[in-house]
Amino acid sequence: MAKSVFYHAGCPVCISAEHDIVELIGAEKVEIVHLGEVSSRIGEAEAAGVKSVPALVTSNGNVLHINFGASIADVKG
């Protein structure tokens, strides 16, 4: 089964959401992607439908935007 992917940019809102997501669904079921550190994956996040971070892309492709930390345009710089 494919993992969900949690995209974030490292802001306090994102870090808090990351901890909650890992606690809720388990570290083994979610890949954490810090777009501020791995900017090469921004295009992948956009292609999946991520408009802002933090966001969780579920294993079946649904995008769940969680709170609002930064728009994907802000992450791109």
Protein backbone atom coordinates (compact mmCIF):
# COMPACT_ATOMS: atom_id res chain seq x y z
CA MET A 1 0.00 0.00 0.00
CA ALA A 2 1.32 3.45 -0.91
CA LYS A 3 2.15 5.89 1.85
CA SER A 4 0.49 9.23 2.31
CA VAL A 5 2.81 12.21 1.82
CA PHE A 6 2.85 15.17 4.18
CA TYR A 7 4.32 18.31 2.61
CA HIS A 8 5.39 21.25 4.74
CA ALA A 9 7.77 24.21 4.81
CA GLY A 10 9.11 24.08 8.34
CA CYS A 11 7.04 26.89 9.88
CA PRO A 12 5.57 26.41 13.38
CA VAL A 13 2.11 25.64 11.95
CA CYS A 14 3.66 22.98 9.69
CA ILE A 15 5.76 21.38 12.44
CA SER A 16 2.77 21.19 14.77
CA ALA A 17 0.66 19.58 12.02
CA GLU A 18 3.50 17.13 11.23
CA HIS A 19 3.58 15.91 14.83
CA ASP A 20 -0.21 15.49 14.86
CA ILE A 21 -0.28 13.63 11.54
CA VAL A 22 2.47 11.23 12.61
CA GLU A 23 0.68 10.62 15.91
CA LEU A 24 -2.67 10.05 14.18
CA ILE A 25 -1.66 7.78 11.30
CA GLY A 26 1.79 6.52 12.29
CA ALA A 27 5.26 7.28 11.00
CA GLU A 28 5.32 4.08 8.95
CA LYS A 29 2.28 5.21 6.92
CA VAL A 30 3.37 8.73 6.00
CA GLU A 31 6.36 10.22 4.21
CA ILE A 32 7.34 13.66 5.52
CA VAL A 33 8.63 16.11 2.88
CA HIS A 34 10.05 19.44 4.07
CA LEU A 35 9.84 21.52 0.88
CA GLY A 36 12.16 24.15 2.33
CA GLU A 37 14.90 21.52 2.48
CA VAL A 38 13.95 19.47 -0.58
CA SER A 39 12.79 22.11 -3.05
CA SER A 40 13.22 19.65 -5.92
CA ARG A 41 9.91 18.09 -4.82
CA ILE A 42 7.83 21.28 -5.09
CA GLY A 43 6.75 20.33 -8.63
CA GLU A 44 5.65 16.92 -7.37
CA ALA A 45 3.56 18.58 -4.66
CA GLU A 46 1.98 20.95 -7.19
CA ALA A 47 1.22 18.08 -9.56
CA ALA A 48 -0.54 16.27 -6.71
CA GLY A 49 -2.75 19.34 -6.17
CA VAL A 50 -1.04 20.96 -3.18
CA LYS A 51 -1.90 24.69 -3.11
CA SER A 52 -0.58 25.49 0.37
CA VAL A 53 1.34 23.82 3.15
CA PRO A 54 0.96 22.00 5.40
CA ALA A 55 -0.89 19.50 3.25
CA LEU A 56 -1.38 15.76 3.32
CA VAL A 57 -1.73 13.84 0.07
CA THR A 58 -3.46 10.61 1.00
CA SER A 59 -2.47 7.25 -0.42
CA ASN A 60 -5.43 7.42 -2.81
CA GLY A 61 -4.50 10.91 -4.06
CA ASN A 62 -6.80 13.19 -2.09
CA VAL A 63 -5.20 16.45 -0.95
CA LEU A 64 -6.03 17.60 2.56
CA HIS A 65 -4.92 21.18 3.18
CA ILE A 66 -4.34 21.55 6.91
CA ASN A 67 -4.63 25.02 8.40
CA PHE A 68 -2.53 27.54 6.47
CA GLY A 69 1.19 27.97 6.84
CA ALA A 70 2.26 29.22 3.40
CA SER A 71 1.08 29.13 -0.19
CA ILE A 72 3.04 26.92 -2.55
CA ALA A 73 4.07 30.11 -4.39
CA ASP A 74 5.65 31.41 -1.17
CA VAL A 75 7.54 28.15 -0.74
CA LYS A 76 8.87 28.43 -4.29
CA GLY A 77 10.27 31.83 -3.38
